[in-house]
PDB file of all heavy atoms in Angstrom:
ATOM      1  N   VAL A   1    -127.221  87.053  34.679  1.00  0.00           N
ATOM      2  CA  VAL A   1    -125.881  86.234  34.632  1.00  0.00           C
ATOM      3  C   VAL A   1    -124.776  87.231  35.095  1.00  0.00           C
ATOM      4  O   VAL A   1    -123.832  86.901  35.868  1.00  0.00           O
ATOM      5  CB  VAL A   1    -125.651  85.647  33.330  1.00  0.00           C
ATOM      6  CG1 VAL A   1    -124.323  85.058  33.265  1.00  0.00           C
ATOM      7  CG2 VAL A   1    -126.784  84.483  33.160  1.00  0.00           C
ATOM      8  N   VAL A   2    -124.712  88.343  34.442  1.00  0.00           N
ATOM      9  CA  VAL A   2    -123.704  89.316  34.782  1.00  0.00           C
ATOM     10  C   VAL A   2    -123.684  89.791  36.142  1.00  0.00           C
ATOM     11  O   VAL A   2    -122.594  89.920  36.793  1.00  0.00           O
ATOM     12  CB  VAL A   2    -123.688  90.541  33.722  1.00  0.00           C
ATOM     13  CG1 VAL A   2    -122.701  91.678  34.148  1.00  0.00           C
ATOM     14  CG2 VAL A   2    -123.401  90.028  32.314  1.00  0.00           C
ATOM     15  N   ALA A   3    -124.862  90.009  36.610  1.00  0.00           N
ATOM     16  CA  ALA A   3    -124.985  90.481  38.035  1.00  0.00           C
ATOM     17  C   ALA A   3    -124.430  89.391  39.016  1.00  0.00           C
ATOM     18  O   ALA A   3    -123.696  89.733  39.940  1.00  0.00           O
ATOM     19  CB  ALA A   3    -126.529  90.771  38.379  1.00  0.00           C
ATOM     20  N   VAL A   4    -124.803  88.144  38.659  1.00  0.00           N
ATOM     21  CA  VAL A   4    -124.207  87.028  39.563  1.00  0.00           C
ATOM     22  C   VAL A   4    -122.721  86.892  39.464  1.00  0.00           C
ATOM     23  O   VAL A   4    -122.045  86.684  40.501  1.00  0.00           O
ATOM     24  CB  VAL A   4    -124.910  85.711  39.248  1.00  0.00           C
ATOM     25  CG1 VAL A   4    -124.313  84.590  39.937  1.00  0.00           C
ATOM     26  CG2 VAL A   4    -126.434  85.766  39.550  1.00  0.00           C
ATOM     27  N   LEU A   5    -122.146  87.045  38.198  1.00  0.00           N
ATOM     28  CA  LEU A   5    -120.747  86.877  38.049  1.00  0.00           C
ATOM     29  C   LEU A   5    -119.979  88.084  38.777  1.00  0.00           C
ATOM     30  O   LEU A   5    -118.921  87.865  39.366  1.00  0.00           O
ATOM     31  CB  LEU A   5    -120.391  87.027  36.605  1.00  0.00           C
ATOM     32  CG  LEU A   5    -120.865  85.771  35.746  1.00  0.00           C
ATOM     33  CD1 LEU A   5    -120.471  85.953  34.203  1.00  0.00           C
ATOM     34  CD2 LEU A   5    -120.242  84.435  36.278  1.00  0.00           C
ATOM     35  N   LEU A   6    -120.552  89.224  38.705  1.00  0.00           N
ATOM     36  CA  LEU A   6    -119.917  90.356  39.412  1.00  0.00           C
ATOM     37  C   LEU A   6    -120.092  90.237  40.943  1.00  0.00           C
ATOM     38  O   LEU A   6    -119.136  90.448  41.631  1.00  0.00           O
ATOM     39  CB  LEU A   6    -120.552  91.636  39.075  1.00  0.00           C
ATOM     40  CG  LEU A   6    -120.379  92.186  37.666  1.00  0.00           C
ATOM     41  CD1 LEU A   6    -121.040  93.458  37.367  1.00  0.00           C
ATOM     42  CD2 LEU A   6    -118.873  92.377  37.344  1.00  0.00           C
ATOM     43  N   TRP A   7    -121.202  89.689  41.397  1.00  0.00           N
ATOM     44  CA  TRP A   7    -121.369  89.512  42.876  1.00  0.00           C
ATOM     45  C   TRP A   7    -120.496  88.368  43.426  1.00  0.00           C
ATOM     46  O   TRP A   7    -119.952  88.428  44.485  1.00  0.00           O
ATOM     47  CB  TRP A   7    -122.812  89.227  43.115  1.00  0.00           C
ATOM     48  CG  TRP A   7    -123.184  88.876  44.509  1.00  0.00           C
ATOM     49  CD1 TRP A   7    -122.974  89.693  45.685  1.00  0.00           C
ATOM     50  CD2 TRP A   7    -123.735  87.610  44.990  1.00  0.00           C
ATOM     51  NE1 TRP A   7    -123.380  89.063  46.787  1.00  0.00           N
ATOM     52  CE2 TRP A   7    -123.800  87.779  46.416  1.00  0.00           C
ATOM     53  CE3 TRP A   7    -124.074  86.453  44.361  1.00  0.00           C
ATOM     54  CZ2 TRP A   7    -124.338  86.760  47.188  1.00  0.00           C
ATOM     55  CZ3 TRP A   7    -124.588  85.399  45.264  1.00  0.00           C
ATOM     56  CH2 TRP A   7    -124.696  85.614  46.620  1.00  0.00           C
ATOM     57  N   ARG A   8    -120.294  87.343  42.544  1.00  0.00           N
ATOM     58  CA  ARG A   8    -119.452  86.197  43.004  1.00  0.00           C
ATOM     59  C   ARG A   8    -117.997  86.395  42.898  1.00  0.00           C
ATOM     60  O   ARG A   8    -117.116  85.749  43.436  1.00  0.00           O
ATOM     61  CB  ARG A   8    -119.884  84.974  42.338  1.00  0.00           C
ATOM     62  CG  ARG A   8    -121.229  84.470  42.570  1.00  0.00           C
ATOM     63  CD  ARG A   8    -121.502  84.241  43.978  1.00  0.00           C
ATOM     64  NE  ARG A   8    -120.623  83.154  44.552  1.00  0.00           N
ATOM     65  CZ  ARG A   8    -120.482  82.791  45.797  1.00  0.00           C
ATOM     66  NH1 ARG A   8    -121.171  83.482  46.734  1.00  0.00           N
ATOM     67  NH2 ARG A   8    -119.745  81.840  46.212  1.00  0.00           N
ATOM     68  N   GLY A   9    -117.625  87.428  42.098  1.00  0.00           N
ATOM     69  CA  GLY A   9    -116.194  87.814  41.929  1.00  0.00           C
ATOM     70  C   GLY A   9    -115.430  86.901  41.098  1.00  0.00           C
ATOM     71  O   GLY A   9    -114.285  86.547  41.444  1.00  0.00           O
ATOM     72  N   ILE A  10    -115.926  86.496  40.025  1.00  0.00           N
ATOM     73  CA  ILE A  10    -115.236  85.686  38.962  1.00  0.00           C
ATOM     74  C   ILE A  10    -114.126  86.502  38.378  1.00  0.00           C
ATOM     75  O   ILE A  10    -114.289  87.602  37.939  1.00  0.00           O
ATOM     76  CB  ILE A  10    -116.070  85.117  37.982  1.00  0.00           C
ATOM     77  CG1 ILE A  10    -117.304  84.419  38.598  1.00  0.00           C
ATOM     78  CG2 ILE A  10    -115.428  84.146  36.959  1.00  0.00           C
ATOM     79  CD1 ILE A  10    -117.057  83.226  39.439  1.00  0.00           C
ATOM     80  N   SER A  11    -112.904  85.991  38.329  1.00  0.00           N
ATOM     81  CA  SER A  11    -111.676  86.745  37.874  1.00  0.00           C
ATOM     82  C   SER A  11    -111.779  86.850  36.402  1.00  0.00           C
ATOM     83  O   SER A  11    -112.486  86.051  35.631  1.00  0.00           O
ATOM     84  CB  SER A  11    -110.470  85.997  38.213  1.00  0.00           C
ATOM     85  OG  SER A  11    -110.309  84.700  37.604  1.00  0.00           O
ATOM     86  N   ALA A  12    -110.950  87.885  35.868  1.00  0.00           N
ATOM     87  CA  ALA A  12    -110.956  88.017  34.351  1.00  0.00           C
ATOM     88  C   ALA A  12    -110.401  86.756  33.613  1.00  0.00           C
ATOM     89  O   ALA A  12    -110.871  86.448  32.551  1.00  0.00           O
ATOM     90  CB  ALA A  12    -110.184  89.284  34.064  1.00  0.00           C
ATOM     91  N   ARG A  13    -109.364  86.198  34.212  1.00  0.00           N
ATOM     92  CA  ARG A  13    -108.802  84.966  33.528  1.00  0.00           C
ATOM     93  C   ARG A  13    -109.835  83.873  33.452  1.00  0.00           C
ATOM     94  O   ARG A  13    -109.920  83.215  32.389  1.00  0.00           O
ATOM     95  CB  ARG A  13    -107.602  84.513  34.403  1.00  0.00           C
ATOM     96  CG  ARG A  13    -106.864  83.330  33.787  1.00  0.00           C
ATOM     97  CD  ARG A  13    -105.724  82.798  34.658  1.00  0.00           C
ATOM     98  NE  ARG A  13    -104.834  83.958  34.888  1.00  0.00           N
ATOM     99  CZ  ARG A  13    -103.757  84.245  34.075  1.00  0.00           C
ATOM    100  NH1 ARG A  13    -103.607  83.453  32.982  1.00  0.00           N
ATOM    101  NH2 ARG A  13    -103.015  85.154  34.350  1.00  0.00           N
ATOM    102  N   ALA A  14    -110.649  83.642  34.491  1.00  0.00           N
ATOM    103  CA  ALA A  14    -111.636  82.515  34.418  1.00  0.00           C
ATOM    104  C   ALA A  14    -112.726  82.952  33.376  1.00  0.00           C
ATOM    105  O   ALA A  14    -113.199  82.037  32.685  1.00  0.00           O
ATOM    106  CB  ALA A  14    -112.287  82.415  35.765  1.00  0.00           C
ATOM    107  N   LEU A  15    -113.098  84.214  33.232  1.00  0.00           N
ATOM    108  CA  LEU A  15    -113.987  84.628  32.254  1.00  0.00           C
ATOM    109  C   LEU A  15    -113.525  84.403  30.845  1.00  0.00           C
ATOM    110  O   LEU A  15    -114.195  83.904  29.989  1.00  0.00           O
ATOM    111  CB  LEU A  15    -114.449  86.028  32.420  1.00  0.00           C
ATOM    112  CG  LEU A  15    -115.149  86.378  33.689  1.00  0.00           C
ATOM    113  CD1 LEU A  15    -115.304  87.931  33.858  1.00  0.00           C
ATOM    114  CD2 LEU A  15    -116.535  85.761  33.837  1.00  0.00           C
ATOM    115  N   ILE A  16    -112.238  84.782  30.560  1.00  0.00           N
ATOM    116  CA  ILE A  16    -111.670  84.625  29.275  1.00  0.00           C
ATOM    117  C   ILE A  16    -111.498  83.154  28.939  1.00  0.00           C
ATOM    118  O   ILE A  16    -111.807  82.657  27.758  1.00  0.00           O
ATOM    119  CB  ILE A  16    -110.294  85.335  29.203  1.00  0.00           C
ATOM    120  CG1 ILE A  16    -110.513  86.904  29.336  1.00  0.00           C
ATOM    121  CG2 ILE A  16    -109.633  85.017  27.862  1.00  0.00           C
ATOM    122  CD1 ILE A  16    -109.368  87.666  29.436  1.00  0.00           C
ATOM    123  N   VAL A  17    -111.092  82.326  29.870  1.00  0.00           N
ATOM    124  CA  VAL A  17    -110.880  80.844  29.580  1.00  0.00           C
ATOM    125  C   VAL A  17    -112.254  80.247  29.321  1.00  0.00           C
ATOM    126  O   VAL A  17    -112.410  79.380  28.353  1.00  0.00           O
ATOM    127  CB  VAL A  17    -110.184  80.215  30.766  1.00  0.00           C
ATOM    128  CG1 VAL A  17    -110.268  78.635  30.640  1.00  0.00           C
ATOM    129  CG2 VAL A  17    -108.808  80.668  30.906  1.00  0.00           C
ATOM    130  N   SER A  18    -113.253  80.622  30.111  1.00  0.00           N
ATOM    131  CA  SER A  18    -114.630  80.092  29.847  1.00  0.00           C
ATOM    132  C   SER A  18    -115.086  80.411  28.423  1.00  0.00           C
ATOM    133  O   SER A  18    -115.708  79.643  27.759  1.00  0.00           O
ATOM    134  CB  SER A  18    -115.646  80.563  30.908  1.00  0.00           C
ATOM    135  OG  SER A  18    -115.169  80.176  32.113  1.00  0.00           O
ATOM    136  N   ALA A  19    -114.851  81.683  27.963  1.00  0.00           N
ATOM    137  CA  ALA A  19    -115.289  82.045  26.705  1.00  0.00           C
ATOM    138  C   ALA A  19    -114.516  81.338  25.553  1.00  0.00           C
ATOM    139  O   ALA A  19    -115.137  80.964  24.631  1.00  0.00           O
ATOM    140  CB  ALA A  19    -115.096  83.620  26.501  1.00  0.00           C
ATOM    141  N   GLY A  20    -113.313  81.085  25.882  1.00  0.00           N
ATOM    142  CA  GLY A  20    -112.502  80.312  24.890  1.00  0.00           C
ATOM    143  C   GLY A  20    -112.956  78.878  24.719  1.00  0.00           C
ATOM    144  O   GLY A  20    -113.103  78.358  23.600  1.00  0.00           O
ATOM    145  N   VAL A  21    -113.417  78.287  25.797  1.00  0.00           N
ATOM    146  CA  VAL A  21    -113.940  76.874  25.763  1.00  0.00           C
ATOM    147  C   VAL A  21    -115.254  76.891  25.022  1.00  0.00           C
ATOM    148  O   VAL A  21    -115.455  75.968  24.112  1.00  0.00           O
ATOM    149  CB  VAL A  21    -114.081  76.341  27.181  1.00  0.00           C
ATOM    150  CG1 VAL A  21    -114.916  75.065  27.148  1.00  0.00           C
ATOM    151  CG2 VAL A  21    -112.770  76.191  27.884  1.00  0.00           C
ATOM    152  N   LEU A  22    -116.050  77.885  25.211  1.00  0.00           N
ATOM    153  CA  LEU A  22    -117.300  77.983  24.505  1.00  0.00           C
ATOM    154  C   LEU A  22    -117.118  78.107  22.996  1.00  0.00           C
ATOM    155  O   LEU A  22    -117.750  77.421  22.197  1.00  0.00           O
ATOM    156  CB  LEU A  22    -118.152  79.027  24.923  1.00  0.00           C
ATOM    157  CG  LEU A  22    -118.737  78.984  26.506  1.00  0.00           C
ATOM    158  CD1 LEU A  22    -119.601  80.245  26.771  1.00  0.00           C
ATOM    159  CD2 LEU A  22    -119.633  77.757  26.560  1.00  0.00           C
ATOM    160  N   LEU A  23    -116.210  78.955  22.578  1.00  0.00           N
ATOM    161  CA  LEU A  23    -115.913  79.231  21.206  1.00  0.00           C
ATOM    162  C   LEU A  23    -115.157  78.083  20.470  1.00  0.00           C
ATOM    163  O   LEU A  23    -115.447  77.756  19.304  1.00  0.00           O
ATOM    164  CB  LEU A  23    -115.183  80.517  21.051  1.00  0.00           C
ATOM    165  CG  LEU A  23    -115.941  81.847  21.371  1.00  0.00           C
ATOM    166  CD1 LEU A  23    -115.082  83.057  21.283  1.00  0.00           C
ATOM    167  CD2 LEU A  23    -117.147  81.996  20.485  1.00  0.00           C
ATOM    168  N   ALA A  24    -114.166  77.596  21.129  1.00  0.00           N
ATOM    169  CA  ALA A  24    -113.296  76.594  20.540  1.00  0.00           C
ATOM    170  C   ALA A  24    -113.785  75.157  20.656  1.00  0.00           C
ATOM    171  O   ALA A  24    -113.407  74.236  19.881  1.00  0.00           O
ATOM    172  CB  ALA A  24    -111.929  76.652  21.167  1.00  0.00           C
ATOM    173  N   VAL A  25    -114.676  74.826  21.620  1.00  0.00           N
ATOM    174  CA  VAL A  25    -115.151  73.431  21.893  1.00  0.00           C
ATOM    175  C   VAL A  25    -116.658  73.354  21.634  1.00  0.00           C
ATOM    176  O   VAL A  25    -117.049  72.563  20.948  1.00  0.00           O
ATOM    177  CB  VAL A  25    -114.766  73.034  23.303  1.00  0.00           C
ATOM    178  CG1 VAL A  25    -115.197  71.562  23.468  1.00  0.00           C
ATOM    179  CG2 VAL A  25    -113.263  73.033  23.463  1.00  0.00           C
ATOM    180  N   VAL A  26    -117.441  74.070  22.414  1.00  0.00           N
ATOM    181  CA  VAL A  26    -118.872  73.961  22.382  1.00  0.00           C
ATOM    182  C   VAL A  26    -119.435  74.322  21.097  1.00  0.00           C
ATOM    183  O   VAL A  26    -120.306  73.505  20.527  1.00  0.00           O
ATOM    184  CB  VAL A  26    -119.542  74.736  23.553  1.00  0.00           C
ATOM    185  CG1 VAL A  26    -121.019  74.565  23.555  1.00  0.00           C
ATOM    186  CG2 VAL A  26    -118.952  74.365  24.954  1.00  0.00           C
ATOM    187  N   VAL A  27    -119.161  75.458  20.507  1.00  0.00           N
ATOM    188  CA  VAL A  27    -119.751  75.822  19.252  1.00  0.00           C
ATOM    189  C   VAL A  27    -119.521  74.827  18.130  1.00  0.00           C
ATOM    190  O   VAL A  27    -120.424  74.319  17.429  1.00  0.00           O
ATOM    191  CB  VAL A  27    -119.362  77.251  18.801  1.00  0.00           C
ATOM    192  CG1 VAL A  27    -119.789  77.566  17.449  1.00  0.00           C
ATOM    193  CG2 VAL A  27    -119.910  78.229  19.813  1.00  0.00           C
ATOM    194  N   PRO A  28    -118.264  74.380  17.880  1.00  0.00           N
ATOM    195  CA  PRO A  28    -118.027  73.310  16.889  1.00  0.00           C
ATOM    196  C   PRO A  28    -118.726  72.027  17.277  1.00  0.00           C
ATOM    197  O   PRO A  28    -119.281  71.347  16.237  1.00  0.00           O
ATOM    198  CB  PRO A  28    -116.555  73.112  16.851  1.00  0.00           C
ATOM    199  CG  PRO A  28    -115.951  74.371  17.422  1.00  0.00           C
ATOM    200  CD  PRO A  28    -116.919  74.849  18.487  1.00  0.00           C
ATOM    201  N   LEU A  29    -118.934  71.591  18.440  1.00  0.00           N
ATOM    202  CA  LEU A  29    -119.492  70.503  18.797  1.00  0.00           C
ATOM    203  C   LEU A  29    -121.012  70.530  18.346  1.00  0.00           C
ATOM    204  O   LEU A  29    -121.637  69.572  17.918  1.00  0.00           O
ATOM    205  CB  LEU A  29    -119.298  70.038  20.255  1.00  0.00           C
ATOM    206  CG  LEU A  29    -118.017  69.359  20.735  1.00  0.00           C
ATOM    207  CD1 LEU A  29    -118.051  69.227  22.160  1.00  0.00           C
ATOM    208  CD2 LEU A  29    -117.889  68.058  19.903  1.00  0.00           C
ATOM    209  N   LEU A  30    -121.642  71.704  18.620  1.00  0.00           N
ATOM    210  CA  LEU A  30    -123.062  71.779  18.381  1.00  0.00           C
ATOM    211  C   LEU A  30    -123.298  71.762  16.821  1.00  0.00           C
ATOM    212  O   LEU A  30    -124.259  71.145  16.363  1.00  0.00           O
ATOM    213  CB  LEU A  30    -123.547  73.314  18.868  1.00  0.00           C
ATOM    214  CG  LEU A  30    -123.613  73.380  20.294  1.00  0.00           C
ATOM    215  CD1 LEU A  30    -124.074  74.798  20.690  1.00  0.00           C
ATOM    216  CD2 LEU A  30    -124.717  72.410  20.889  1.00  0.00           C
ATOM    217  N   TYR A  31    -122.363  72.232  16.019  1.00  0.00           N
ATOM    218  CA  TYR A  31    -122.451  72.075  14.585  1.00  0.00           C
ATOM    219  C   TYR A  31    -122.286  70.660  14.083  1.00  0.00           C
ATOM    220  O   TYR A  31    -122.972  70.212  13.131  1.00  0.00           O
ATOM    221  CB  TYR A  31    -121.481  73.029  13.821  1.00  0.00           C
ATOM    222  CG  TYR A  31    -121.892  74.417  13.699  1.00  0.00           C
ATOM    223  CD1 TYR A  31    -121.631  75.400  14.583  1.00  0.00           C
ATOM    224  CD2 TYR A  31    -122.746  74.790  12.605  1.00  0.00           C
ATOM    225  CE1 TYR A  31    -122.071  76.682  14.447  1.00  0.00           C
ATOM    226  CE2 TYR A  31    -123.169  76.066  12.328  1.00  0.00           C
ATOM    227  CZ  TYR A  31    -122.772  77.016  13.374  1.00  0.00           C
ATOM    228  OH  TYR A  31    -123.228  78.241  13.271  1.00  0.00           O
ATOM    229  N   VAL A  32    -121.412  69.903  14.766  1.00  0.00           N
ATOM    230  CA  VAL A  32    -121.149  68.558  14.428  1.00  0.00           C
ATOM    231  C   VAL A  32    -122.246  67.574  14.943  1.00  0.00           C
ATOM    232  O   VAL A  32    -122.730  66.706  14.192  1.00  0.00           O
ATOM    233  CB  VAL A  32    -119.818  68.029  15.010  1.00  0.00           C
ATOM    234  CG1 VAL A  32    -119.599  66.585  14.656  1.00  0.00           C
ATOM    235  CG2 VAL A  32    -118.616  68.865  14.240  1.00  0.00           C
ATOM    236  N   LEU A  33    -122.678  67.781  16.138  1.00  0.00           N
ATOM    237  CA  LEU A  33    -123.662  66.926  16.674  1.00  0.00           C
ATOM    238  C   LEU A  33    -125.090  67.160  16.346  1.00  0.00           C
ATOM    239  O   LEU A  33    -125.996  66.214  16.177  1.00  0.00           O
ATOM    240  CB  LEU A  33    -123.637  66.966  18.290  1.00  0.00           C
ATOM    241  CG  LEU A  33    -122.321  66.559  18.928  1.00  0.00           C
ATOM    242  CD1 LEU A  33    -122.451  66.758  20.423  1.00  0.00           C
ATOM    243  CD2 LEU A  33    -122.023  65.056  18.535  1.00  0.00           C
ATOM    244  N   PHE A  34    -125.415  68.437  15.986  1.00  0.00           N
ATOM    245  CA  PHE A  34    -126.703  68.802  15.418  1.00  0.00           C
ATOM    246  C   PHE A  34    -126.601  69.569  14.078  1.00  0.00           C
ATOM    247  O   PHE A  34    -126.914  70.723  14.014  1.00  0.00           O
ATOM    248  CB  PHE A  34    -127.465  69.649  16.532  1.00  0.00           C
ATOM    249  CG  PHE A  34    -127.487  69.088  17.842  1.00  0.00           C
ATOM    250  CD1 PHE A  34    -126.568  69.393  18.808  1.00  0.00           C
ATOM    251  CD2 PHE A  34    -128.404  68.111  18.172  1.00  0.00           C
ATOM    252  CE1 PHE A  34    -126.622  68.867  20.127  1.00  0.00           C
ATOM    253  CE2 PHE A  34    -128.512  67.528  19.385  1.00  0.00           C
ATOM    254  CZ  PHE A  34    -127.551  67.882  20.363  1.00  0.00           C
ATOM    255  N   PRO A  35    -126.211  68.774  13.021  1.00  0.00           N
ATOM    256  CA  PRO A  35    -126.116  69.438  11.714  1.00  0.00           C
ATOM    257  C   PRO A  35    -127.510  69.799  11.164  1.00  0.00           C
ATOM    258  O   PRO A  35    -128.568  69.155  11.450  1.00  0.00           O
ATOM    259  CB  PRO A  35    -125.389  68.405  10.842  1.00  0.00           C
ATOM    260  CG  PRO A  35    -125.831  67.142  11.489  1.00  0.00           C
ATOM    261  CD  PRO A  35    -125.915  67.341  12.984  1.00  0.00           C
ATOM    262  N   GLY A  36    -127.457  70.932  10.326  1.00  0.00           N
ATOM    263  CA  GLY A  36    -128.702  71.331   9.688  1.00  0.00           C
ATOM    264  C   GLY A  36    -129.095  70.364   8.595  1.00  0.00           C
ATOM    265  O   GLY A  36    -128.222  69.731   8.013  1.00  0.00           O
TER     266      GLY A  36
END
């Protein structure tokens, strides 16, 4: 994955925004939709 991101030239802003979406949206949704 890192090799592809470096080869495709994804900007630092896009990487940080994507990480924020995963942490602030996807992770909480996984806990809510698939509770233990």
